[in-house]
Amino acid sequence: MSDMTPLGQFKASCPQCGAELRIEHDGIELKGNERLICAVHGDVMSLEEARRIIFEENRNNIIDKARKFGRDSIRNLFKK
């Protein structure tokens, strides 16, 4: 799965103006209630909403990579 973008490198953009969104949270660890903030439009969406959008936009690629990983894992298991 080396050709996939690491999760930490995804960038979310404001759906209204395209500006990069930042995560508003009160610590180091994400708790699930974080909001994505646009410098121009303020609170745009939750982090969970952004994750769903990213998944929907990349659904086929994610599913294909997961299937390939599963097939390769099973093949490697039986090679031993």
N, C-alpha and C. Protein backbone atom coordinates (compact mmCIF):
# COMPACT_ATOMS: atom_id res chain seq x y z
N MET A 1 0.83 -1.18 0.00
CA MET A 1 0.00 0.00 0.00
C MET A 1 0.88 1.25 0.00
N SER A 2 2.03 1.19 -0.55
CA SER A 2 2.96 2.29 -0.49
C SER A 2 2.56 3.49 -1.34
N ASP A 3 1.64 3.32 -2.31
CA ASP A 3 1.26 4.45 -3.14
C ASP A 3 0.07 5.23 -2.59
N MET A 4 -0.36 4.90 -1.38
CA MET A 4 -1.45 5.64 -0.75
C MET A 4 -0.89 6.81 0.05
N THR A 5 -1.63 7.89 0.12
CA THR A 5 -1.23 9.05 0.90
C THR A 5 -1.42 8.73 2.38
N PRO A 6 -0.39 8.93 3.20
CA PRO A 6 -0.56 8.70 4.64
C PRO A 6 -1.68 9.58 5.19
N LEU A 7 -2.44 9.06 6.14
CA LEU A 7 -3.59 9.76 6.68
C LEU A 7 -3.23 11.15 7.17
N GLY A 8 -2.10 11.30 7.81
CA GLY A 8 -1.69 12.60 8.34
C GLY A 8 -1.39 13.64 7.28
N GLN A 9 -1.28 13.23 6.02
CA GLN A 9 -0.94 14.17 4.95
C GLN A 9 -2.15 14.63 4.16
N PHE A 10 -3.36 14.18 4.49
CA PHE A 10 -4.54 14.67 3.81
C PHE A 10 -4.78 16.11 4.21
N LYS A 11 -5.18 16.92 3.26
CA LYS A 11 -5.50 18.32 3.52
C LYS A 11 -6.96 18.53 3.21
N ALA A 12 -7.67 19.17 4.11
CA ALA A 12 -9.08 19.48 3.89
C ALA A 12 -9.19 20.94 3.45
N SER A 13 -10.07 21.18 2.50
CA SER A 13 -10.27 22.53 1.99
C SER A 13 -11.68 23.01 2.28
N CYS A 14 -11.82 24.30 2.46
CA CYS A 14 -13.13 24.89 2.68
C CYS A 14 -13.98 24.69 1.43
N PRO A 15 -15.20 24.15 1.57
CA PRO A 15 -16.05 23.95 0.40
C PRO A 15 -16.54 25.26 -0.22
N GLN A 16 -16.43 26.37 0.51
CA GLN A 16 -16.90 27.66 -0.01
C GLN A 16 -15.81 28.44 -0.72
N CYS A 17 -14.57 28.44 -0.16
CA CYS A 17 -13.52 29.28 -0.75
C CYS A 17 -12.25 28.53 -1.12
N GLY A 18 -12.13 27.26 -0.69
CA GLY A 18 -10.95 26.46 -1.03
C GLY A 18 -9.77 26.64 -0.11
N ALA A 19 -9.89 27.49 0.91
CA ALA A 19 -8.78 27.69 1.85
C ALA A 19 -8.55 26.41 2.65
N GLU A 20 -7.30 26.19 3.05
CA GLU A 20 -6.98 25.01 3.85
C GLU A 20 -7.60 25.15 5.23
N LEU A 21 -8.23 24.08 5.70
CA LEU A 21 -8.87 24.08 7.01
C LEU A 21 -7.89 23.63 8.07
N ARG A 22 -8.09 24.14 9.27
CA ARG A 22 -7.27 23.69 10.41
C ARG A 22 -8.19 23.01 11.41
N ILE A 23 -7.62 22.13 12.22
CA ILE A 23 -8.39 21.39 13.22
C ILE A 23 -8.35 22.17 14.53
N GLU A 24 -9.52 22.39 15.09
CA GLU A 24 -9.60 23.03 16.40
C GLU A 24 -9.76 21.95 17.45
N HIS A 25 -8.79 21.84 18.35
CA HIS A 25 -8.89 20.89 19.45
C HIS A 25 -8.07 21.39 20.62
N ASP A 26 -8.31 20.83 21.77
CA ASP A 26 -7.72 21.36 23.00
C ASP A 26 -6.63 20.47 23.59
N GLY A 27 -5.93 19.74 22.78
CA GLY A 27 -4.87 18.89 23.29
C GLY A 27 -4.13 18.19 22.18
N ILE A 28 -3.32 17.22 22.56
CA ILE A 28 -2.53 16.48 21.58
C ILE A 28 -3.35 15.37 20.96
N GLU A 29 -4.13 14.67 21.76
CA GLU A 29 -4.90 13.52 21.28
C GLU A 29 -6.28 13.96 20.78
N LEU A 30 -6.66 13.49 19.58
CA LEU A 30 -7.98 13.81 19.05
C LEU A 30 -9.04 12.99 19.79
N LYS A 31 -10.16 13.63 20.12
CA LYS A 31 -11.19 12.97 20.92
C LYS A 31 -12.45 12.66 20.12
N GLY A 32 -12.57 13.15 18.90
CA GLY A 32 -13.75 12.86 18.09
C GLY A 32 -14.72 14.01 17.98
N ASN A 33 -14.54 15.05 18.77
CA ASN A 33 -15.45 16.20 18.71
C ASN A 33 -14.80 17.43 18.08
N GLU A 34 -13.71 17.24 17.36
CA GLU A 34 -12.96 18.34 16.78
C GLU A 34 -13.73 18.98 15.61
N ARG A 35 -13.48 20.25 15.39
CA ARG A 35 -14.11 20.98 14.30
C ARG A 35 -13.03 21.46 13.33
N LEU A 36 -13.38 21.57 12.05
CA LEU A 36 -12.49 22.12 11.04
C LEU A 36 -12.87 23.57 10.82
N ILE A 37 -11.85 24.43 10.89
CA ILE A 37 -12.07 25.87 10.86
C ILE A 37 -11.42 26.48 9.62
N CYS A 38 -12.19 27.33 8.92
CA CYS A 38 -11.68 28.11 7.79
C CYS A 38 -11.34 29.50 8.31
N ALA A 39 -10.22 30.05 7.88
CA ALA A 39 -9.82 31.39 8.32
C ALA A 39 -10.83 32.44 7.88
N VAL A 40 -11.56 32.18 6.79
CA VAL A 40 -12.53 33.14 6.26
C VAL A 40 -13.94 32.88 6.78
N HIS A 41 -14.37 31.62 6.77
CA HIS A 41 -15.76 31.27 7.07
C HIS A 41 -15.99 30.70 8.47
N GLY A 42 -14.95 30.53 9.25
CA GLY A 42 -15.10 30.00 10.61
C GLY A 42 -15.34 28.50 10.61
N ASP A 43 -16.19 28.04 11.51
CA ASP A 43 -16.49 26.63 11.69
C ASP A 43 -17.19 26.09 10.44
N VAL A 44 -16.56 25.11 9.78
CA VAL A 44 -17.08 24.59 8.52
C VAL A 44 -17.74 23.22 8.68
N MET A 45 -17.08 22.30 9.38
CA MET A 45 -17.61 20.95 9.55
C MET A 45 -16.83 20.25 10.64
N SER A 46 -17.34 19.08 11.02
CA SER A 46 -16.62 18.28 12.01
C SER A 46 -15.52 17.48 11.31
N LEU A 47 -14.56 17.06 12.09
CA LEU A 47 -13.49 16.20 11.56
C LEU A 47 -14.09 14.90 11.03
N GLU A 48 -15.10 14.38 11.71
CA GLU A 48 -15.75 13.15 11.27
C GLU A 48 -16.42 13.35 9.90
N GLU A 49 -17.06 14.48 9.68
CA GLU A 49 -17.67 14.76 8.37
C GLU A 49 -16.60 14.79 7.28
N ALA A 50 -15.46 15.40 7.57
CA ALA A 50 -14.37 15.45 6.60
C ALA A 50 -13.84 14.05 6.30
N ARG A 51 -13.74 13.21 7.33
CA ARG A 51 -13.28 11.83 7.12
C ARG A 51 -14.25 11.08 6.20
N ARG A 52 -15.55 11.29 6.40
CA ARG A 52 -16.54 10.62 5.53
C ARG A 52 -16.41 11.10 4.09
N ILE A 53 -16.21 12.40 3.89
CA ILE A 53 -16.05 12.94 2.54
C ILE A 53 -14.82 12.34 1.88
N ILE A 54 -13.70 12.30 2.60
CA ILE A 54 -12.46 11.73 2.05
C ILE A 54 -12.67 10.27 1.68
N PHE A 55 -13.36 9.51 2.55
CA PHE A 55 -13.61 8.11 2.25
C PHE A 55 -14.48 7.98 1.00
N GLU A 56 -15.55 8.75 0.91
CA GLU A 56 -16.44 8.66 -0.26
C GLU A 56 -15.70 9.01 -1.55
N GLU A 57 -14.84 10.01 -1.50
CA GLU A 57 -14.09 10.42 -2.69
C GLU A 57 -13.05 9.39 -3.10
N ASN A 58 -12.60 8.58 -2.15
CA ASN A 58 -11.53 7.60 -2.41
C ASN A 58 -11.99 6.17 -2.19
N ARG A 59 -13.28 5.94 -2.11
CA ARG A 59 -13.86 4.64 -1.77
C ARG A 59 -13.29 3.49 -2.61
N ASN A 60 -13.33 3.61 -3.92
CA ASN A 60 -12.89 2.51 -4.79
C ASN A 60 -11.41 2.20 -4.58
N ASN A 61 -10.59 3.22 -4.47
CA ASN A 61 -9.16 3.01 -4.26
C ASN A 61 -8.90 2.35 -2.91
N ILE A 62 -9.60 2.79 -1.88
CA ILE A 62 -9.43 2.20 -0.55
C ILE A 62 -9.84 0.74 -0.55
N ILE A 63 -10.98 0.43 -1.16
CA ILE A 63 -11.47 -0.95 -1.22
C ILE A 63 -10.51 -1.83 -2.02
N ASP A 64 -10.05 -1.34 -3.16
CA ASP A 64 -9.09 -2.11 -3.97
C ASP A 64 -7.81 -2.40 -3.20
N LYS A 65 -7.29 -1.40 -2.49
CA LYS A 65 -6.04 -1.59 -1.72
C LYS A 65 -6.26 -2.58 -0.58
N ALA A 66 -7.43 -2.51 0.08
CA ALA A 66 -7.72 -3.43 1.18
C ALA A 66 -7.83 -4.86 0.65
N ARG A 67 -8.49 -5.04 -0.48
CA ARG A 67 -8.61 -6.39 -1.07
C ARG A 67 -7.24 -6.94 -1.45
N LYS A 68 -6.42 -6.10 -2.07
CA LYS A 68 -5.08 -6.53 -2.47
C LYS A 68 -4.25 -6.90 -1.24
N PHE A 69 -4.34 -6.09 -0.20
CA PHE A 69 -3.62 -6.39 1.03
C PHE A 69 -4.07 -7.72 1.62
N GLY A 70 -5.38 -7.96 1.63
CA GLY A 70 -5.92 -9.22 2.14
C GLY A 70 -5.44 -10.42 1.33
N ARG A 71 -5.51 -10.30 -0.01
CA ARG A 71 -5.04 -11.41 -0.87
C ARG A 71 -3.56 -11.67 -0.65
N ASP A 72 -2.76 -10.60 -0.61
CA ASP A 72 -1.31 -10.77 -0.41
C ASP A 72 -1.01 -11.39 0.95
N SER A 73 -1.75 -10.99 1.97
CA SER A 73 -1.53 -11.55 3.32
C SER A 73 -1.84 -13.03 3.35
N ILE A 74 -2.93 -13.42 2.74
CA ILE A 74 -3.30 -14.85 2.71
C ILE A 74 -2.26 -15.64 1.92
N ARG A 75 -1.85 -15.12 0.77
CA ARG A 75 -0.83 -15.79 -0.06
C ARG A 75 0.46 -15.98 0.74
N ASN A 76 0.88 -14.92 1.43
CA ASN A 76 2.12 -15.00 2.22
C ASN A 76 1.99 -15.96 3.39
N LEU A 77 0.82 -16.05 3.96
CA LEU A 77 0.58 -16.97 5.08
C LEU A 77 0.79 -18.42 4.65
N PHE A 78 0.31 -18.75 3.44
CA PHE A 78 0.42 -20.12 2.97
C PHE A 78 1.77 -20.43 2.37
N LYS A 79 2.59 -19.43 2.08
CA LYS A 79 3.94 -19.66 1.57
C LYS A 79 4.87 -20.16 2.67
N LYS A 80 4.55 -19.87 3.90
CA LYS A 80 5.46 -20.21 5.03
C LYS A 80 5.39 -21.66 5.37
